[in-house]
Amino acid sequence: FARGPTENYADSAWVIGYGDYRAQVQAVLFEGGILFSNNLGDQAFFDGWTITRAAGLGLRRGSWSVRDDAAGRHFSRRSRLTSYPACAPWVKEMQSNVIKFTQSCQGSAEYSNSILVNEKGEIVIIRQSLNAGASFVTLKKL
């Protein structure tokens, strides 16, 4: 398990967004990462670099997973699997007092995932696609 850009992101409330949907979630340390969840059934599991599983997000039967292996990046939604080439390695970029990590990926078109880290070393924004760039989940620290 490779650690993400920081470890200090499980100490507060966050907002999860998907399309027009927004809801508050709580970050909880969980096996191998952080589980963002609420009592509405919204969940996102973050392993330090990637949102590997999500559920809810304003949809009755919304369920997604993302898996990387030597063959590429694999997306699953309601048991339907699609595979694409592996994403490029994360690139670190300094912007004012913050660090932005960006990962370029190829889906039906090229897209980017990103993680923003503040001056205290805390992750404050996670923006990643669960479906090869067609739409994005965003987690923002409150």
C-alpha atoms as a PDB file:
ATOM      1  CA  PHE A   1       0.000   0.000   0.000  1.00  0.00           C
ATOM      2  CA  ALA A   2       1.571   3.243  -1.128  1.00  0.00           C
ATOM      3  CA  ARG A   3       0.819   6.203   1.094  1.00  0.00           C
ATOM      4  CA  GLY A   4      -0.831   9.178  -0.501  1.00  0.00           C
ATOM      5  CA  PRO A   5       0.413  12.757  -0.535  1.00  0.00           C
ATOM      6  CA  THR A   6      -0.473  13.242   3.149  1.00  0.00           C
ATOM      7  CA  GLU A   7      -1.960  11.423   6.094  1.00  0.00           C
ATOM      8  CA  ASN A   8      -3.787  14.377   7.688  1.00  0.00           C
ATOM      9  CA  TYR A   9      -7.183  14.223   5.999  1.00  0.00           C
ATOM     10  CA  ALA A  10      -9.418  12.256   8.349  1.00  0.00           C
ATOM     11  CA  ASP A  11     -10.125  14.902  10.973  1.00  0.00           C
ATOM     12  CA  SER A  12     -13.147  16.798   9.674  1.00  0.00           C
ATOM     13  CA  ALA A  13     -16.360  16.932   7.731  1.00  0.00           C
ATOM     14  CA  TRP A  14     -16.246  16.997   3.926  1.00  0.00           C
ATOM     15  CA  VAL A  15     -18.703  17.644   1.090  1.00  0.00           C
ATOM     16  CA  ILE A  16     -19.062  15.031  -1.641  1.00  0.00           C
ATOM     17  CA  GLY A  17     -20.287  16.085  -5.068  1.00  0.00           C
ATOM     18  CA  TYR A  18     -21.320  14.146  -8.158  1.00  0.00           C
ATOM     19  CA  GLY A  19     -22.997  16.062 -10.988  1.00  0.00           C
ATOM     20  CA  ASP A  20     -25.521  18.403  -9.329  1.00  0.00           C
ATOM     21  CA  TYR A  21     -25.656  16.293  -6.149  1.00  0.00           C
ATOM     22  CA  ARG A  22     -23.977  17.546  -2.934  1.00  0.00           C
ATOM     23  CA  ALA A  23     -23.981  16.063   0.576  1.00  0.00           C
ATOM     24  CA  GLN A  24     -21.887  16.269   3.719  1.00  0.00           C
ATOM     25  CA  VAL A  25     -19.840  13.185   4.615  1.00  0.00           C
ATOM     26  CA  GLN A  26     -17.564  12.295   7.509  1.00  0.00           C
ATOM     27  CA  ALA A  27     -14.033  10.999   6.941  1.00  0.00           C
ATOM     28  CA  VAL A  28     -13.207   7.859   8.948  1.00  0.00           C
ATOM     29  CA  LEU A  29      -9.933   5.917   9.000  1.00  0.00           C
ATOM     30  CA  PHE A  30     -10.676   2.487   7.568  1.00  0.00           C
ATOM     31  CA  GLU A  31      -8.662  -0.552   6.474  1.00  0.00           C
ATOM     32  CA  GLY A  32      -6.035   0.755   4.043  1.00  0.00           C
ATOM     33  CA  GLY A  33      -7.468   4.244   3.603  1.00  0.00           C
ATOM     34  CA  ILE A  34     -10.260   6.677   4.400  1.00  0.00           C
ATOM     35  CA  LEU A  35     -13.977   6.016   4.108  1.00  0.00           C
ATOM     36  CA  PHE A  36     -16.105   9.107   3.471  1.00  0.00           C
ATOM     37  CA  SER A  37     -19.730   8.330   4.351  1.00  0.00           C
ATOM     38  CA  ASN A  38     -23.019   9.642   5.691  1.00  0.00           C
ATOM     39  CA  ASN A  39     -26.414   8.310   6.799  1.00  0.00           C
ATOM     40  CA  LEU A  40     -27.876   8.923   3.305  1.00  0.00           C
ATOM     41  CA  GLY A  41     -25.948   5.962   1.895  1.00  0.00           C
ATOM     42  CA  ASP A  42     -23.229   8.023   0.224  1.00  0.00           C
ATOM     43  CA  GLN A  43     -19.787   6.440   0.402  1.00  0.00           C
ATOM     44  CA  ALA A  44     -16.384   6.940  -1.184  1.00  0.00           C
ATOM     45  CA  PHE A  45     -13.275   4.970  -0.270  1.00  0.00           C
ATOM     46  CA  PHE A  46      -9.936   6.727  -0.831  1.00  0.00           C
ATOM     47  CA  ASP A  47      -6.738   4.665  -0.646  1.00  0.00           C
ATOM     48  CA  GLY A  48      -4.391   7.662  -0.426  1.00  0.00           C
ATOM     49  CA  TRP A  49      -4.243   8.256  -4.191  1.00  0.00           C
ATOM     50  CA  THR A  50      -7.426   6.886  -5.770  1.00  0.00           C
ATOM     51  CA  ILE A  51     -11.140   6.723  -4.981  1.00  0.00           C
ATOM     52  CA  THR A  52     -11.459   2.969  -5.448  1.00  0.00           C
ATOM     53  CA  ARG A  53     -15.130   2.519  -4.481  1.00  0.00           C
ATOM     54  CA  ALA A  54     -18.202   4.714  -4.263  1.00  0.00           C
ATOM     55  CA  ALA A  55     -21.908   4.261  -3.633  1.00  0.00           C
ATOM     56  CA  GLY A  56     -25.027   6.405  -3.442  1.00  0.00           C
ATOM     57  CA  LEU A  57     -24.098   9.892  -4.679  1.00  0.00           C
ATOM     58  CA  GLY A  58     -27.748  10.791  -5.120  1.00  0.00           C
ATOM     59  CA  LEU A  59     -28.598   7.679  -7.148  1.00  0.00           C
ATOM     60  CA  ARG A  60     -30.788   4.908  -5.745  1.00  0.00           C
ATOM     61  CA  ARG A  61     -28.543   2.076  -6.926  1.00  0.00           C
ATOM     62  CA  GLY A  62     -25.346   4.010  -7.562  1.00  0.00           C
ATOM     63  CA  SER A  63     -22.305   1.783  -7.129  1.00  0.00           C
ATOM     64  CA  TRP A  64     -18.852   2.163  -8.690  1.00  0.00           C
ATOM     65  CA  SER A  65     -15.387   0.674  -8.360  1.00  0.00           C
ATOM     66  CA  VAL A  66     -12.004   1.529  -9.838  1.00  0.00           C
ATOM     67  CA  ARG A  67      -9.141  -0.968  -9.992  1.00  0.00           C
ATOM     68  CA  ASP A  68      -5.622  -0.598 -11.372  1.00  0.00           C
ATOM     69  CA  ASP A  69      -3.385  -3.458 -12.466  1.00  0.00           C
ATOM     70  CA  ALA A  70      -0.687  -4.153 -15.048  1.00  0.00           C
ATOM     71  CA  ALA A  71      -3.310  -4.297 -17.820  1.00  0.00           C
ATOM     72  CA  GLY A  72      -4.724  -0.836 -17.073  1.00  0.00           C
ATOM     73  CA  ARG A  73      -7.491   0.936 -15.161  1.00  0.00           C
ATOM     74  CA  HIS A  74     -10.794  -0.923 -14.806  1.00  0.00           C
ATOM     75  CA  PHE A  75     -14.133   0.712 -13.993  1.00  0.00           C
ATOM     76  CA  SER A  76     -17.159  -1.198 -12.771  1.00  0.00           C
ATOM     77  CA  ARG A  77     -20.688   0.146 -12.454  1.00  0.00           C
ATOM     78  CA  ARG A  78     -23.558  -2.207 -11.594  1.00  0.00           C
ATOM     79  CA  SER A  79     -21.437  -5.216 -12.625  1.00  0.00           C
ATOM     80  CA  ARG A  80     -20.561  -3.683 -16.009  1.00  0.00           C
ATOM     81  CA  LEU A  81     -16.778  -3.620 -16.475  1.00  0.00           C
ATOM     82  CA  THR A  82     -14.890  -1.297 -18.831  1.00  0.00           C
ATOM     83  CA  SER A  83     -11.105  -1.177 -19.154  1.00  0.00           C
ATOM     84  CA  TYR A  84      -8.736   1.515 -20.385  1.00  0.00           C
ATOM     85  CA  PRO A  85      -4.953   1.995 -20.511  1.00  0.00           C
ATOM     86  CA  ALA A  86      -3.210   2.655 -17.189  1.00  0.00           C
ATOM     87  CA  CYS A  87      -3.146   6.274 -16.047  1.00  0.00           C
ATOM     88  CA  ALA A  88       0.111   8.223 -16.120  1.00  0.00           C
ATOM     89  CA  PRO A  89       2.023   8.619 -12.836  1.00  0.00           C
ATOM     90  CA  TRP A  90       0.948  11.458 -10.540  1.00  0.00           C
ATOM     91  CA  VAL A  91       2.667  14.798 -11.222  1.00  0.00           C
ATOM     92  CA  LYS A  92       3.368  17.196  -8.329  1.00  0.00           C
ATOM     93  CA  GLU A  93       3.053  20.945  -8.993  1.00  0.00           C
ATOM     94  CA  MET A  94       3.468  23.859  -6.567  1.00  0.00           C
ATOM     95  CA  GLN A  95       0.800  26.579  -6.864  1.00  0.00           C
ATOM     96  CA  SER A  96       1.179  29.490  -4.394  1.00  0.00           C
ATOM     97  CA  ASN A  97       1.101  27.816  -0.956  1.00  0.00           C
ATOM     98  CA  VAL A  98      -0.590  24.636  -2.142  1.00  0.00           C
ATOM     99  CA  ILE A  99       0.515  21.471  -3.886  1.00  0.00           C
ATOM    100  CA  LYS A 100      -1.534  20.034  -6.723  1.00  0.00           C
ATOM    101  CA  PHE A 101      -1.121  16.412  -7.760  1.00  0.00           C
ATOM    102  CA  THR A 102      -2.483  15.658 -11.240  1.00  0.00           C
ATOM    103  CA  GLN A 103      -2.849  12.337 -13.019  1.00  0.00           C
ATOM    104  CA  SER A 104      -3.587  12.149 -16.758  1.00  0.00           C
ATOM    105  CA  CYS A 105      -5.730   9.230 -17.901  1.00  0.00           C
ATOM    106  CA  GLN A 106      -7.201   7.976 -21.157  1.00  0.00           C
ATOM    107  CA  GLY A 107     -10.893   7.138 -21.257  1.00  0.00           C
ATOM    108  CA  SER A 108     -13.190   7.775 -24.195  1.00  0.00           C
ATOM    109  CA  ALA A 109     -11.223  11.074 -24.167  1.00  0.00           C
ATOM    110  CA  GLU A 110      -8.231  12.217 -22.115  1.00  0.00           C
ATOM    111  CA  TYR A 111      -9.082  13.418 -18.593  1.00  0.00           C
ATOM    112  CA  SER A 112      -7.270  14.307 -15.353  1.00  0.00           C
ATOM    113  CA  ASN A 113      -7.699  13.343 -11.709  1.00  0.00           C
ATOM    114  CA  SER A 114      -6.413  15.758  -9.064  1.00  0.00           C
ATOM    115  CA  ILE A 115      -5.597  16.077  -5.375  1.00  0.00           C
ATOM    116  CA  LEU A 116      -5.004  19.468  -3.733  1.00  0.00           C
ATOM    117  CA  VAL A 117      -2.905  19.726  -0.554  1.00  0.00           C
ATOM    118  CA  ASN A 118      -2.864  22.917   1.564  1.00  0.00           C
ATOM    119  CA  GLU A 119       0.119  24.603   3.242  1.00  0.00           C
ATOM    120  CA  LYS A 120      -0.421  22.462   6.379  1.00  0.00           C
ATOM    121  CA  GLY A 121       0.037  19.258   4.366  1.00  0.00           C
ATOM    122  CA  GLU A 122      -3.665  18.384   4.489  1.00  0.00           C
ATOM    123  CA  ILE A 123      -5.620  17.112   1.506  1.00  0.00           C
ATOM    124  CA  VAL A 124      -8.435  19.604   0.919  1.00  0.00           C
ATOM    125  CA  ILE A 125      -9.831  18.570  -2.494  1.00  0.00           C
ATOM    126  CA  ILE A 126      -9.983  15.200  -4.249  1.00  0.00           C
ATOM    127  CA  ARG A 127     -11.425  15.178  -7.790  1.00  0.00           C
ATOM    128  CA  GLN A 128     -11.511  11.888  -9.647  1.00  0.00           C
ATOM    129  CA  SER A 129     -13.495  10.081 -12.299  1.00  0.00           C
ATOM    130  CA  LEU A 130     -15.307   6.828 -11.540  1.00  0.00           C
ATOM    131  CA  ASN A 131     -16.191   6.234 -15.198  1.00  0.00           C
ATOM    132  CA  ALA A 132     -13.239   7.014 -17.480  1.00  0.00           C
ATOM    133  CA  GLY A 133     -13.757  10.780 -17.535  1.00  0.00           C
ATOM    134  CA  ALA A 134     -17.493  10.920 -18.273  1.00  0.00           C
ATOM    135  CA  SER A 135     -18.135  12.518 -14.859  1.00  0.00           C
ATOM    136  CA  PHE A 136     -16.256  13.252 -11.637  1.00  0.00           C
ATOM    137  CA  VAL A 137     -16.636  12.804  -7.896  1.00  0.00           C
ATOM    138  CA  THR A 138     -15.324  15.712  -5.842  1.00  0.00           C
ATOM    139  CA  LEU A 139     -14.540  15.620  -2.129  1.00  0.00           C
ATOM    140  CA  LYS A 140     -13.905  19.018  -0.477  1.00  0.00           C
ATOM    141  CA  LYS A 141     -12.795  19.483   3.124  1.00  0.00           C
ATOM    142  CA  LEU A 142     -15.049  21.834   5.096  1.00  0.00           C
END
